[in-house]
Amino acid sequence: MNEQIVSDYYGKVLQSSADLKTDACCTTEDIPSFHKALLANIHDEVMAKYYGCGLIAPLALKGTRVLDLGSGSGRDAYALAQMVGPEGEVVGVDMTDEQLAVANAHRDWHAERFGFSNVRFEKGYIEKLDRLELEPGSFDVVVSNCVINLLMDKPAVLAGVKRLLKPGGEFYFSDVYADRRLPRAVREDPVLFGECLGGALYWNDFLTLSKQAGFADPRLVTDRPLEVENEMLQEKLGRARFFSATYRLFNIDALEPACEDYGQAVIYDGSIEHARDAFILDAHHVIETGKVFPVCGNTYRMLKESRFAGAFQFIGNWDNHYGIFEGCGTQMPFGEARAGIAPAACC
């Protein structure tokens, strides 16, 4: 049973992040200076028991309600608690008793350190969020750090997140993805599964599942290749390649399947803390302060119908449509759009 494998691996086999056999479940990317300041306020034992593959600290969290799925020892929850402040709340959910014990053991320590108490942890299964006493549509942001790959019923996770998010809320999460669908031997290997590789989704399957769950336009924020240096694990994995990636999915029902051009633009005012010079929505949208920035209809909605709205001036409406937004990676399939393009050889 995968739940038992994961619980045993993270609760009994691993004693600290140093016991991991790969870097798939560890953050190696550069940490922003403001995040380092948050981590400096977190208890040493909580830090030592941390396992995660990315940074899940989206901006503009003050006063928001955040749900941390697979909160583990509480590292991310306690970092986010400082960002939401005394008017906000962070709820962590985890199924591993040993990890929850660490997280709960230091609640008072962190409350004294921060000057307020706004974190709580619940034992539960992320695939069964509807069994917890969490009110639908009550969270501004849901986060998860290298956890979804450890779960078998990934559609159930996405459906549960969609149910709990407020309109305009977002699912901001890091996870591990593969460049192909993995064979059963890899998926069922307990060490590869515990190391966040065996359960990694093929990236294109992830995009499909997200859209089926109602998140029409998944946005990639950051990504990095994963190196598996353990020779025994390399042999089992064959030529499959793995990547750590952070995505953001917005709970906005009106988002379209493609980036459509309505002649719209936004101007960022630089008011979001830690993003004075530019706001980074995703890997393709670095919006400089004060500059008129043309956007597709989906990006317009993501900014206008979310917690970011107050930091932007919005130009345009929905009266006129100009086809696919230029440079979005999609093109018209007819006649002149195909001129000069060699016949595809992929099939």
C-alpha atoms as a PDB file:
ATOM      1  CA  MET A   1       0.000   0.000   0.000  1.00  0.00           C
ATOM      2  CA  ASN A   2       1.604   3.261  -1.134  1.00  0.00           C
ATOM      3  CA  GLU A   3       0.289   5.243   1.837  1.00  0.00           C
ATOM      4  CA  GLN A   4       2.156   2.896   4.181  1.00  0.00           C
ATOM      5  CA  ILE A   5       5.326   3.024   2.057  1.00  0.00           C
ATOM      6  CA  VAL A   6       5.347   6.819   2.167  1.00  0.00           C
ATOM      7  CA  SER A   7       4.504   6.982   5.872  1.00  0.00           C
ATOM      8  CA  ASP A   8       7.274   4.529   6.761  1.00  0.00           C
ATOM      9  CA  TYR A   9       9.852   6.133   4.470  1.00  0.00           C
ATOM     10  CA  TYR A  10       9.339   9.671   5.776  1.00  0.00           C
ATOM     11  CA  GLY A  11       8.478   8.710   9.329  1.00  0.00           C
ATOM     12  CA  LYS A  12      10.879   5.853  10.085  1.00  0.00           C
ATOM     13  CA  VAL A  13      13.497   5.330   7.337  1.00  0.00           C
ATOM     14  CA  LEU A  14      14.569   8.962   6.917  1.00  0.00           C
ATOM     15  CA  GLN A  15      15.898  10.680  10.009  1.00  0.00           C
ATOM     16  CA  SER A  16      16.887  13.891   8.213  1.00  0.00           C
ATOM     17  CA  SER A  17      17.231  15.257   4.685  1.00  0.00           C
ATOM     18  CA  ALA A  18      20.823  13.965   4.706  1.00  0.00           C
ATOM     19  CA  ASP A  19      19.453  10.404   4.420  1.00  0.00           C
ATOM     20  CA  LEU A  20      17.937  11.013   0.982  1.00  0.00           C
ATOM     21  CA  LYS A  21      19.590   9.131  -1.907  1.00  0.00           C
ATOM     22  CA  THR A  22      18.833  11.803  -4.560  1.00  0.00           C
ATOM     23  CA  ASP A  23      18.242  15.562  -4.642  1.00  0.00           C
ATOM     24  CA  ALA A  24      14.675  15.138  -5.949  1.00  0.00           C
ATOM     25  CA  CYS A  25      13.173  15.877  -2.528  1.00  0.00           C
ATOM     26  CA  CYS A  26      15.566  18.685  -1.629  1.00  0.00           C
ATOM     27  CA  THR A  27      15.557  22.334  -2.630  1.00  0.00           C
ATOM     28  CA  THR A  28      18.850  23.248  -4.287  1.00  0.00           C
ATOM     29  CA  GLU A  29      17.789  26.374  -6.166  1.00  0.00           C
ATOM     30  CA  ASP A  30      18.804  29.830  -5.027  1.00  0.00           C
ATOM     31  CA  ILE A  31      16.719  31.038  -2.109  1.00  0.00           C
ATOM     32  CA  PRO A  32      15.646  34.697  -2.184  1.00  0.00           C
ATOM     33  CA  SER A  33      17.073  36.777   0.637  1.00  0.00           C
ATOM     34  CA  PHE A  34      13.647  37.439   2.148  1.00  0.00           C
ATOM     35  CA  HIS A  35      13.008  33.702   2.310  1.00  0.00           C
ATOM     36  CA  LYS A  36      16.316  33.126   4.086  1.00  0.00           C
ATOM     37  CA  ALA A  37      15.143  35.571   6.751  1.00  0.00           C
ATOM     38  CA  LEU A  38      11.953  33.536   7.207  1.00  0.00           C
ATOM     39  CA  LEU A  39      13.873  30.281   7.512  1.00  0.00           C
ATOM     40  CA  ALA A  40      16.167  31.814  10.125  1.00  0.00           C
ATOM     41  CA  ASN A  41      13.146  32.014  12.436  1.00  0.00           C
ATOM     42  CA  ILE A  42      12.334  28.303  12.199  1.00  0.00           C
ATOM     43  CA  HIS A  43      13.359  25.707  14.786  1.00  0.00           C
ATOM     44  CA  ASP A  44      16.422  23.567  13.942  1.00  0.00           C
ATOM     45  CA  GLU A  45      14.591  20.248  14.285  1.00  0.00           C
ATOM     46  CA  VAL A  46      11.862  21.395  11.912  1.00  0.00           C
ATOM     47  CA  MET A  47      14.507  22.383   9.366  1.00  0.00           C
ATOM     48  CA  ALA A  48      16.390  19.083   9.720  1.00  0.00           C
ATOM     49  CA  LYS A  49      13.251  17.025   9.014  1.00  0.00           C
ATOM     50  CA  TYR A  50      12.329  19.008   5.896  1.00  0.00           C
ATOM     51  CA  TYR A  51      11.915  17.288   2.529  1.00  0.00           C
ATOM     52  CA  GLY A  52      10.866  19.378  -0.478  1.00  0.00           C
ATOM     53  CA  CYS A  53      11.749  19.925  -4.141  1.00  0.00           C
ATOM     54  CA  GLY A  54      11.071  23.625  -4.596  1.00  0.00           C
ATOM     55  CA  LEU A  55      10.184  26.942  -3.008  1.00  0.00           C
ATOM     56  CA  ILE A  56       6.504  27.454  -2.299  1.00  0.00           C
ATOM     57  CA  ALA A  57       6.382  31.036  -1.044  1.00  0.00           C
ATOM     58  CA  PRO A  58       4.163  32.976  -3.459  1.00  0.00           C
ATOM     59  CA  LEU A  59       3.950  36.712  -2.859  1.00  0.00           C
ATOM     60  CA  ALA A  60       1.098  38.908  -1.586  1.00  0.00           C
ATOM     61  CA  LEU A  61       0.048  36.574   1.225  1.00  0.00           C
ATOM     62  CA  LYS A  62      -0.568  39.089   4.022  1.00  0.00           C
ATOM     63  CA  GLY A  63      -3.879  38.372   5.704  1.00  0.00           C
ATOM     64  CA  THR A  64      -4.645  35.311   3.568  1.00  0.00           C
ATOM     65  CA  ARG A  65      -5.663  31.786   4.534  1.00  0.00           C
ATOM     66  CA  VAL A  66      -3.214  29.152   3.248  1.00  0.00           C
ATOM     67  CA  LEU A  67      -3.458  25.350   3.173  1.00  0.00           C
ATOM     68  CA  ASP A  68      -0.192  23.372   3.100  1.00  0.00           C
ATOM     69  CA  LEU A  69      -0.682  19.852   1.728  1.00  0.00           C
ATOM     70  CA  GLY A  70       1.872  17.357   3.008  1.00  0.00           C
ATOM     71  CA  SER A  71       3.167  19.842   5.571  1.00  0.00           C
ATOM     72  CA  GLY A  72       5.612  17.347   7.097  1.00  0.00           C
ATOM     73  CA  SER A  73       7.723  18.811   9.881  1.00  0.00           C
ATOM     74  CA  GLY A  74       6.146  22.233   9.301  1.00  0.00           C
ATOM     75  CA  ARG A  75       9.014  24.111   7.657  1.00  0.00           C
ATOM     76  CA  ASP A  76       6.951  25.651   4.876  1.00  0.00           C
ATOM     77  CA  ALA A  77       3.946  26.208   7.128  1.00  0.00           C
ATOM     78  CA  TYR A  78       6.041  28.202   9.605  1.00  0.00           C
ATOM     79  CA  ALA A  79       7.667  30.185   6.796  1.00  0.00           C
ATOM     80  CA  LEU A  80       4.265  30.979   5.289  1.00  0.00           C
ATOM     81  CA  ALA A  81       2.911  31.895   8.739  1.00  0.00           C
ATOM     82  CA  GLN A  82       5.321  34.814   8.842  1.00  0.00           C
ATOM     83  CA  MET A  83       4.153  35.948   5.407  1.00  0.00           C
ATOM     84  CA  VAL A  84       0.410  35.824   6.127  1.00  0.00           C
ATOM     85  CA  GLY A  85       0.937  37.586   9.475  1.00  0.00           C
ATOM     86  CA  PRO A  86      -1.334  37.668  12.542  1.00  0.00           C
ATOM     87  CA  GLU A  87      -4.444  38.372  10.451  1.00  0.00           C
ATOM     88  CA  GLY A  88      -3.899  35.272   8.306  1.00  0.00           C
ATOM     89  CA  GLU A  89      -3.842  31.545   8.983  1.00  0.00           C
ATOM     90  CA  VAL A  90      -1.878  28.512   7.802  1.00  0.00           C
ATOM     91  CA  VAL A  91      -3.324  24.999   8.048  1.00  0.00           C
ATOM     92  CA  GLY A  92      -1.013  22.042   7.484  1.00  0.00           C
ATOM     93  CA  VAL A  93      -2.234  18.559   6.536  1.00  0.00           C
ATOM     94  CA  ASP A  94      -0.058  15.455   6.758  1.00  0.00           C
ATOM     95  CA  MET A  95      -0.583  11.733   7.323  1.00  0.00           C
ATOM     96  CA  THR A  96       2.747  10.883   8.987  1.00  0.00           C
ATOM     97  CA  ASP A  97       2.583  10.753  12.785  1.00  0.00           C
ATOM     98  CA  GLU A  98       6.312  11.289  13.262  1.00  0.00           C
ATOM     99  CA  GLN A  99       6.345  14.395  11.082  1.00  0.00           C
ATOM    100  CA  LEU A 100       3.228  15.830  12.702  1.00  0.00           C
ATOM    101  CA  ALA A 101       4.794  15.269  16.118  1.00  0.00           C
ATOM    102  CA  VAL A 102       7.774  17.430  15.150  1.00  0.00           C
ATOM    103  CA  ALA A 103       5.553  20.143  13.678  1.00  0.00           C
ATOM    104  CA  ASN A 104       3.264  20.295  16.722  1.00  0.00           C
ATOM    105  CA  ALA A 105       6.080  20.070  19.263  1.00  0.00           C
ATOM    106  CA  HIS A 106       7.345  23.493  18.235  1.00  0.00           C
ATOM    107  CA  ARG A 107       4.097  25.439  17.782  1.00  0.00           C
ATOM    108  CA  ASP A 108       4.564  27.392  21.017  1.00  0.00           C
ATOM    109  CA  TRP A 109       8.234  28.040  20.218  1.00  0.00           C
ATOM    110  CA  HIS A 110       7.303  29.594  16.885  1.00  0.00           C
ATOM    111  CA  ALA A 111       4.385  31.559  18.342  1.00  0.00           C
ATOM    112  CA  GLU A 112       6.769  33.161  20.816  1.00  0.00           C
ATOM    113  CA  ARG A 113       9.333  33.781  18.065  1.00  0.00           C
ATOM    114  CA  PHE A 114       6.778  35.393  15.718  1.00  0.00           C
ATOM    115  CA  GLY A 115       4.759  37.210  18.363  1.00  0.00           C
ATOM    116  CA  PHE A 116       1.516  35.549  17.226  1.00  0.00           C
ATOM    117  CA  SER A 117      -0.005  32.086  16.751  1.00  0.00           C
ATOM    118  CA  ASN A 118      -1.609  31.377  13.382  1.00  0.00           C
ATOM    119  CA  VAL A 119      -0.615  27.795  12.478  1.00  0.00           C
ATOM    120  CA  ARG A 120      -2.349  24.497  13.094  1.00  0.00           C
ATOM    121  CA  PHE A 121      -1.792  20.978  11.790  1.00  0.00           C
ATOM    122  CA  GLU A 122      -4.270  18.212  11.004  1.00  0.00           C
ATOM    123  CA  LYS A 123      -3.717  14.534  10.349  1.00  0.00           C
ATOM    124  CA  GLY A 124      -5.315  13.518   7.095  1.00  0.00           C
ATOM    125  CA  TYR A 125      -4.922  12.127   3.615  1.00  0.00           C
ATOM    126  CA  ILE A 126      -4.452  14.583   0.776  1.00  0.00           C
ATOM    127  CA  GLU A 127      -6.415  12.360  -1.585  1.00  0.00           C
ATOM    128  CA  LYS A 128      -9.370  12.560   0.828  1.00  0.00           C
ATOM    129  CA  LEU A 129      -9.540  16.246   1.692  1.00  0.00           C
ATOM    130  CA  ASP A 130     -13.343  16.071   1.749  1.00  0.00           C
ATOM    131  CA  ARG A 131     -13.106  13.977   4.935  1.00  0.00           C
ATOM    132  CA  LEU A 132     -11.448  16.796   6.838  1.00  0.00           C
ATOM    133  CA  GLU A 133     -13.373  19.626   8.443  1.00  0.00           C
ATOM    134  CA  LEU A 134     -12.207  22.185   5.912  1.00  0.00           C
ATOM    135  CA  GLU A 135     -14.834  24.523   4.544  1.00  0.00           C
ATOM    136  CA  PRO A 136     -15.187  24.539   0.726  1.00  0.00           C
ATOM    137  CA  GLY A 137     -14.067  27.774  -0.891  1.00  0.00           C
ATOM    138  CA  SER A 138     -12.296  28.967   2.244  1.00  0.00           C
ATOM    139  CA  PHE A 139      -8.624  29.164   1.205  1.00  0.00           C
ATOM    140  CA  ASP A 140      -6.921  31.927  -0.746  1.00  0.00           C
ATOM    141  CA  VAL A 141      -3.901  29.776  -1.568  1.00  0.00           C
ATOM    142  CA  VAL A 142      -3.120  26.071  -1.414  1.00  0.00           C
ATOM    143  CA  VAL A 143       0.531  25.016  -1.486  1.00  0.00           C
ATOM    144  CA  SER A 144       2.326  21.693  -1.715  1.00  0.00           C
ATOM    145  CA  ASN A 145       6.014  20.853  -1.778  1.00  0.00           C
ATOM    146  CA  CYS A 146       7.091  17.635  -3.514  1.00  0.00           C
ATOM    147  CA  VAL A 147       4.080  15.657  -2.304  1.00  0.00           C
ATOM    148  CA  ILE A 148       1.707  14.983  -5.206  1.00  0.00           C
ATOM    149  CA  ASN A 149       4.157  12.536  -6.787  1.00  0.00           C
ATOM    150  CA  LEU A 150       3.840  10.433  -3.619  1.00  0.00           C
ATOM    151  CA  LEU A 151       0.082  10.012  -4.104  1.00  0.00           C
ATOM    152  CA  MET A 152      -1.700   7.463  -6.273  1.00  0.00           C
ATOM    153  CA  ASP A 153      -4.980   9.295  -6.943  1.00  0.00           C
ATOM    154  CA  LYS A 154      -3.708  12.562  -8.369  1.00  0.00           C
ATOM    155  CA  PRO A 155      -7.054  13.571  -9.947  1.00  0.00           C
ATOM    156  CA  ALA A 156      -8.624  13.360  -6.474  1.00  0.00           C
ATOM    157  CA  VAL A 157      -5.985  15.753  -5.133  1.00  0.00           C
ATOM    158  CA  LEU A 158      -6.645  18.328  -7.839  1.00  0.00           C
ATOM    159  CA  ALA A 159     -10.403  18.012  -7.366  1.00  0.00           C
ATOM    160  CA  GLY A 160     -10.014  18.480  -3.611  1.00  0.00           C
ATOM    161  CA  VAL A 161      -7.875  21.581  -4.082  1.00  0.00           C
ATOM    162  CA  LYS A 162     -10.363  23.064  -6.551  1.00  0.00           C
ATOM    163  CA  ARG A 163     -13.154  22.523  -4.030  1.00  0.00           C
ATOM    164  CA  LEU A 164     -11.305  24.271  -1.194  1.00  0.00           C
ATOM    165  CA  LEU A 165     -10.046  27.312  -3.102  1.00  0.00           C
ATOM    166  CA  LYS A 166     -11.915  30.590  -3.151  1.00  0.00           C
ATOM    167  CA  PRO A 167     -12.821  31.973  -6.592  1.00  0.00           C
ATOM    168  CA  GLY A 168      -9.620  33.594  -7.838  1.00  0.00           C
ATOM    169  CA  GLY A 169      -7.520  31.553  -5.418  1.00  0.00           C
ATOM    170  CA  GLU A 170      -4.485  29.612  -6.549  1.00  0.00           C
ATOM    171  CA  PHE A 171      -2.763  26.296  -6.143  1.00  0.00           C
ATOM    172  CA  TYR A 172       0.981  27.073  -5.985  1.00  0.00           C
ATOM    173  CA  PHE A 173       3.098  23.942  -5.753  1.00  0.00           C
ATOM    174  CA  SER A 174       6.363  22.223  -6.568  1.00  0.00           C
ATOM    175  CA  ASP A 175       6.649  18.633  -7.677  1.00  0.00           C
ATOM    176  CA  VAL A 176       8.698  16.156  -9.715  1.00  0.00           C
ATOM    177  CA  TYR A 177       7.856  15.350 -13.343  1.00  0.00           C
ATOM    178  CA  ALA A 178       9.200  12.833 -15.853  1.00  0.00           C
ATOM    179  CA  ASP A 179       9.822  13.197 -19.589  1.00  0.00           C
ATOM    180  CA  ARG A 180       7.839   9.994 -20.200  1.00  0.00           C
ATOM    181  CA  ARG A 181       5.334   7.606 -18.590  1.00  0.00           C
ATOM    182  CA  LEU A 182       7.249   5.368 -16.220  1.00  0.00           C
ATOM    183  CA  PRO A 183       7.169   1.543 -16.332  1.00  0.00           C
ATOM    184  CA  ARG A 184       5.497  -0.412 -13.544  1.00  0.00           C
ATOM    185  CA  ALA A 185       8.817  -1.627 -12.120  1.00  0.00           C
ATOM    186  CA  VAL A 186       9.844   1.994 -11.474  1.00  0.00           C
ATOM    187  CA  ARG A 187       6.426   3.036 -10.157  1.00  0.00           C
ATOM    188  CA  GLU A 188       6.331   0.160  -7.673  1.00  0.00           C
ATOM    189  CA  ASP A 189       9.907   0.366  -6.386  1.00  0.00           C
ATOM    190  CA  PRO A 190       9.613   1.546  -2.731  1.00  0.00           C
ATOM    191  CA  VAL A 191      12.907   3.460  -2.679  1.00  0.00           C
ATOM    192  CA  LEU A 192      12.288   5.195  -6.013  1.00  0.00           C
ATOM    193  CA  PHE A 193       8.780   6.029  -4.841  1.00  0.00           C
ATOM    194  CA  GLY A 194      10.002   7.398  -1.524  1.00  0.00           C
ATOM    195  CA  GLU A 195      12.667   9.431  -3.328  1.00  0.00           C
ATOM    196  CA  CYS A 196       9.913  11.245  -5.288  1.00  0.00           C
ATOM    197  CA  LEU A 197      10.816   9.606  -8.613  1.00  0.00           C
ATOM    198  CA  GLY A 198       8.618   6.505  -8.914  1.00  0.00           C
ATOM    199  CA  GLY A 199       5.402   8.487  -8.630  1.00  0.00           C
ATOM    200  CA  ALA A 200       6.432  11.353 -10.908  1.00  0.00           C
ATOM    201  CA  LEU A 201       3.857  12.204 -13.546  1.00  0.00           C
ATOM    202  CA  TYR A 202       4.692  12.475 -17.227  1.00  0.00           C
ATOM    203  CA  TRP A 203       4.529  16.256 -17.675  1.00  0.00           C
ATOM    204  CA  ASN A 204       1.933  16.124 -20.443  1.00  0.00           C
ATOM    205  CA  ASP A 205      -0.343  13.897 -18.373  1.00  0.00           C
ATOM    206  CA  PHE A 206      -0.123  16.470 -15.576  1.00  0.00           C
ATOM    207  CA  LEU A 207      -1.271  19.249 -17.895  1.00  0.00           C
ATOM    208  CA  THR A 208      -4.196  17.098 -19.045  1.00  0.00           C
ATOM    209  CA  LEU A 209      -5.240  16.216 -15.484  1.00  0.00           C
ATOM    210  CA  SER A 210      -5.055  19.860 -14.413  1.00  0.00           C
ATOM    211  CA  LYS A 211      -7.344  20.970 -17.228  1.00  0.00           C
ATOM    212  CA  GLN A 212      -9.768  18.123 -16.516  1.00  0.00           C
ATOM    213  CA  ALA A 213      -9.934  19.305 -12.892  1.00  0.00           C
ATOM    214  CA  GLY A 214     -10.962  22.798 -14.016  1.00  0.00           C
ATOM    215  CA  PHE A 215      -7.566  24.526 -14.011  1.00  0.00           C
ATOM    216  CA  ALA A 216      -7.662  25.529 -17.687  1.00  0.00           C
ATOM    217  CA  ASP A 217      -4.297  27.258 -18.039  1.00  0.00           C
ATOM    218  CA  PRO A 218      -1.482  25.801 -15.851  1.00  0.00           C
ATOM    219  CA  ARG A 219       1.424  28.238 -15.570  1.00  0.00           C
ATOM    220  CA  LEU A 220       5.013  27.028 -15.133  1.00  0.00           C
ATOM    221  CA  VAL A 221       6.929  29.286 -12.717  1.00  0.00           C
ATOM    222  CA  THR A 222      10.342  27.620 -12.371  1.00  0.00           C
ATOM    223  CA  ASP A 223      11.973  24.308 -13.295  1.00  0.00           C
ATOM    224  CA  ARG A 224      15.281  22.529 -12.971  1.00  0.00           C
ATOM    225  CA  PRO A 225      16.632  19.121 -14.088  1.00  0.00           C
ATOM    226  CA  LEU A 226      17.230  16.500 -11.410  1.00  0.00           C
ATOM    227  CA  GLU A 227      20.472  14.569 -11.270  1.00  0.00           C
ATOM    228  CA  VAL A 228      20.340  10.984  -9.999  1.00  0.00           C
ATOM    229  CA  GLU A 229      23.910  10.119  -9.042  1.00  0.00           C
ATOM    230  CA  ASN A 230      23.161   6.869  -7.225  1.00  0.00           C
ATOM    231  CA  GLU A 231      24.263   4.206  -9.747  1.00  0.00           C
ATOM    232  CA  MET A 232      21.828   1.558  -8.516  1.00  0.00           C
ATOM    233  CA  LEU A 233      18.890   3.937  -8.908  1.00  0.00           C
ATOM    234  CA  GLN A 234      20.165   5.144 -12.286  1.00  0.00           C
ATOM    235  CA  GLU A 235      20.134   1.600 -13.590  1.00  0.00           C
ATOM    236  CA  LYS A 236      16.528   1.120 -12.502  1.00  0.00           C
ATOM    237  CA  LEU A 237      15.417   4.405 -14.096  1.00  0.00           C
ATOM    238  CA  GLY A 238      16.985   3.779 -17.496  1.00  0.00           C
ATOM    239  CA  ARG A 239      16.870   6.795 -19.802  1.00  0.00           C
ATOM    240  CA  ALA A 240      13.972   8.558 -18.099  1.00  0.00           C
ATOM    241  CA  ARG A 241      14.716  12.173 -17.191  1.00  0.00           C
ATOM    242  CA  PHE A 242      13.232  14.019 -14.238  1.00  0.00           C
ATOM    243  CA  PHE A 243      12.567  17.662 -13.440  1.00  0.00           C
ATOM    244  CA  SER A 244      11.539  19.638 -10.397  1.00  0.00           C
ATOM    245  CA  ALA A 245       8.997  22.277 -11.364  1.00  0.00           C
ATOM    246  CA  THR A 246       6.785  24.844  -9.683  1.00  0.00           C
ATOM    247  CA  TYR A 247       3.361  25.533 -11.179  1.00  0.00           C
ATOM    248  CA  ARG A 248       0.534  27.869 -10.320  1.00  0.00           C
ATOM    249  CA  LEU A 249      -3.076  26.953 -11.118  1.00  0.00           C
ATOM    250  CA  PHE A 250      -5.760  29.609 -10.720  1.00  0.00           C
ATOM    251  CA  ASN A 251      -9.314  28.811  -9.678  1.00  0.00           C
ATOM    252  CA  ILE A 252     -10.938  30.978 -12.338  1.00  0.00           C
ATOM    253  CA  ASP A 253     -13.682  29.217 -14.265  1.00  0.00           C
ATOM    254  CA  ALA A 254     -13.648  31.679 -17.189  1.00  0.00           C
ATOM    255  CA  LEU A 255     -10.078  30.852 -18.240  1.00  0.00           C
ATOM    256  CA  GLU A 256      -9.845  29.649 -21.827  1.00  0.00           C
ATOM    257  CA  PRO A 257      -7.930  26.610 -23.183  1.00  0.00           C
ATOM    258  CA  ALA A 258      -5.578  28.865 -25.184  1.00  0.00           C
ATOM    259  CA  CYS A 259      -4.082  32.344 -24.879  1.00  0.00           C
ATOM    260  CA  GLU A 260      -6.556  34.557 -26.730  1.00  0.00           C
ATOM    261  CA  ASP A 261      -5.802  38.153 -27.704  1.00  0.00           C
ATOM    262  CA  TYR A 262      -8.347  40.826 -26.785  1.00  0.00           C
ATOM    263  CA  GLY A 263      -5.990  43.785 -27.147  1.00  0.00           C
ATOM    264  CA  GLN A 264      -5.579  44.045 -23.379  1.00  0.00           C
ATOM    265  CA  ALA A 265      -2.648  45.213 -21.253  1.00  0.00           C
ATOM    266  CA  VAL A 266      -1.719  45.786 -17.613  1.00  0.00           C
ATOM    267  CA  ILE A 267       0.525  48.212 -15.737  1.00  0.00           C
ATOM    268  CA  TYR A 268       2.143  47.006 -12.516  1.00  0.00           C
ATOM    269  CA  ASP A 269       2.537  49.633  -9.776  1.00  0.00           C
ATOM    270  CA  GLY A 270       5.389  47.945  -7.869  1.00  0.00           C
ATOM    271  CA  SER A 271       3.434  47.704  -4.623  1.00  0.00           C
ATOM    272  CA  ILE A 272       3.847  43.973  -3.926  1.00  0.00           C
ATOM    273  CA  GLU A 273       6.472  43.385  -1.240  1.00  0.00           C
ATOM    274  CA  HIS A 274       9.680  41.725  -2.493  1.00  0.00           C
ATOM    275  CA  ALA A 275       8.688  42.571  -6.090  1.00  0.00           C
ATOM    276  CA  ARG A 276       9.224  46.330  -6.342  1.00  0.00           C
ATOM    277  CA  ASP A 277      10.954  46.364  -9.742  1.00  0.00           C
ATOM    278  CA  ALA A 278       8.983  43.625 -11.462  1.00  0.00           C
ATOM    279  CA  PHE A 279       6.280  41.066 -10.765  1.00  0.00           C
ATOM    280  CA  ILE A 280       6.919  37.531 -12.004  1.00  0.00           C
ATOM    281  CA  LEU A 281       3.686  35.735 -12.752  1.00  0.00           C
ATOM    282  CA  ASP A 282       5.353  32.772 -14.414  1.00  0.00           C
ATOM    283  CA  ALA A 283       8.356  31.843 -16.552  1.00  0.00           C
ATOM    284  CA  HIS A 284       7.002  33.862 -19.487  1.00  0.00           C
ATOM    285  CA  HIS A 285       5.577  36.920 -17.724  1.00  0.00           C
ATOM    286  CA  VAL A 286       8.057  39.245 -16.009  1.00  0.00           C
ATOM    287  CA  ILE A 287       6.028  42.444 -15.695  1.00  0.00           C
ATOM    288  CA  GLU A 288       8.236  45.471 -15.046  1.00  0.00           C
ATOM    289  CA  THR A 289       6.948  48.250 -12.825  1.00  0.00           C
ATOM    290  CA  GLY A 290       5.316  51.140 -14.676  1.00  0.00           C
ATOM    291  CA  LYS A 291       5.548  49.576 -18.125  1.00  0.00           C
ATOM    292  CA  VAL A 292       2.499  48.897 -20.303  1.00  0.00           C
ATOM    293  CA  PHE A 293       2.558  45.122 -20.663  1.00  0.00           C
ATOM    294  CA  PRO A 294       0.303  43.481 -23.318  1.00  0.00           C
ATOM    295  CA  VAL A 295      -1.360  40.305 -22.031  1.00  0.00           C
ATOM    296  CA  CYS A 296      -3.676  37.594 -23.252  1.00  0.00           C
ATOM    297  CA  GLY A 297      -7.164  37.250 -21.849  1.00  0.00           C
ATOM    298  CA  ASN A 298      -6.168  34.515 -19.393  1.00  0.00           C
ATOM    299  CA  THR A 299      -3.308  36.519 -17.898  1.00  0.00           C
ATOM    300  CA  TYR A 300      -5.619  39.542 -17.640  1.00  0.00           C
ATOM    301  CA  ARG A 301      -8.088  37.442 -15.609  1.00  0.00           C
ATOM    302  CA  MET A 302      -5.371  35.840 -13.438  1.00  0.00           C
ATOM    303  CA  LEU A 303      -4.270  39.283 -12.332  1.00  0.00           C
ATOM    304  CA  LYS A 304      -7.647  41.021 -12.160  1.00  0.00           C
ATOM    305  CA  GLU A 305      -9.621  38.234 -10.469  1.00  0.00           C
ATOM    306  CA  SER A 306      -7.003  37.246  -7.870  1.00  0.00           C
ATOM    307  CA  ARG A 307      -5.356  38.758  -4.810  1.00  0.00           C
ATOM    308  CA  PHE A 308      -2.949  40.611  -7.146  1.00  0.00           C
ATOM    309  CA  ALA A 309      -5.645  42.913  -8.577  1.00  0.00           C
ATOM    310  CA  GLY A 310      -4.843  45.910  -6.371  1.00  0.00           C
ATOM    311  CA  ALA A 311      -1.306  46.138  -7.722  1.00  0.00           C
ATOM    312  CA  PHE A 312      -2.309  46.551 -11.375  1.00  0.00           C
ATOM    313  CA  GLN A 313      -3.997  48.989 -13.700  1.00  0.00           C
ATOM    314  CA  PHE A 314      -6.064  47.153 -16.304  1.00  0.00           C
ATOM    315  CA  ILE A 315      -6.365  48.384 -19.874  1.00  0.00           C
ATOM    316  CA  GLY A 316      -8.966  47.103 -22.325  1.00  0.00           C
ATOM    317  CA  ASN A 317     -12.048  44.934 -22.223  1.00  0.00           C
ATOM    318  CA  TRP A 318     -13.567  41.928 -23.987  1.00  0.00           C
ATOM    319  CA  ASP A 319     -15.282  43.720 -26.882  1.00  0.00           C
ATOM    320  CA  ASN A 320     -12.851  42.709 -29.617  1.00  0.00           C
ATOM    321  CA  HIS A 321     -11.010  39.453 -30.260  1.00  0.00           C
ATOM    322  CA  TYR A 322      -7.850  39.258 -32.382  1.00  0.00           C
ATOM    323  CA  GLY A 323      -7.187  35.521 -32.444  1.00  0.00           C
ATOM    324  CA  ILE A 324      -4.383  33.674 -30.679  1.00  0.00           C
ATOM    325  CA  PHE A 325      -2.014  35.882 -28.700  1.00  0.00           C
ATOM    326  CA  GLU A 326       1.263  36.167 -30.614  1.00  0.00           C
ATOM    327  CA  GLY A 327       4.131  34.137 -29.210  1.00  0.00           C
ATOM    328  CA  CYS A 328       2.036  31.894 -26.979  1.00  0.00           C
ATOM    329  CA  GLY A 329       3.198  28.687 -28.657  1.00  0.00           C
ATOM    330  CA  THR A 330      -0.057  27.980 -30.501  1.00  0.00           C
ATOM    331  CA  GLN A 331      -0.730  28.832 -34.126  1.00  0.00           C
ATOM    332  CA  MET A 332      -3.604  28.722 -36.592  1.00  0.00           C
ATOM    333  CA  PRO A 333      -3.573  25.382 -38.454  1.00  0.00           C
ATOM    334  CA  PHE A 334      -4.668  26.754 -41.821  1.00  0.00           C
ATOM    335  CA  GLY A 335      -2.976  27.764 -45.073  1.00  0.00           C
ATOM    336  CA  GLU A 336      -0.592  30.675 -44.653  1.00  0.00           C
ATOM    337  CA  ALA A 337       0.170  29.812 -41.037  1.00  0.00           C
ATOM    338  CA  ARG A 338       1.791  26.603 -42.271  1.00  0.00           C
ATOM    339  CA  ALA A 339       3.837  28.270 -45.032  1.00  0.00           C
ATOM    340  CA  GLY A 340       7.476  27.302 -44.874  1.00  0.00           C
ATOM    341  CA  ILE A 341       6.922  24.660 -42.205  1.00  0.00           C
ATOM    342  CA  ALA A 342       8.150  21.165 -43.045  1.00  0.00           C
ATOM    343  CA  PRO A 343       5.645  18.311 -42.693  1.00  0.00           C
ATOM    344  CA  ALA A 344       5.581  16.961 -39.185  1.00  0.00           C
ATOM    345  CA  ALA A 345       7.362  13.651 -38.671  1.00  0.00           C
ATOM    346  CA  CYS A 346       6.165  12.917 -35.149  1.00  0.00           C
ATOM    347  CA  CYS A 347       3.528  10.323 -36.011  1.00  0.00           C
END
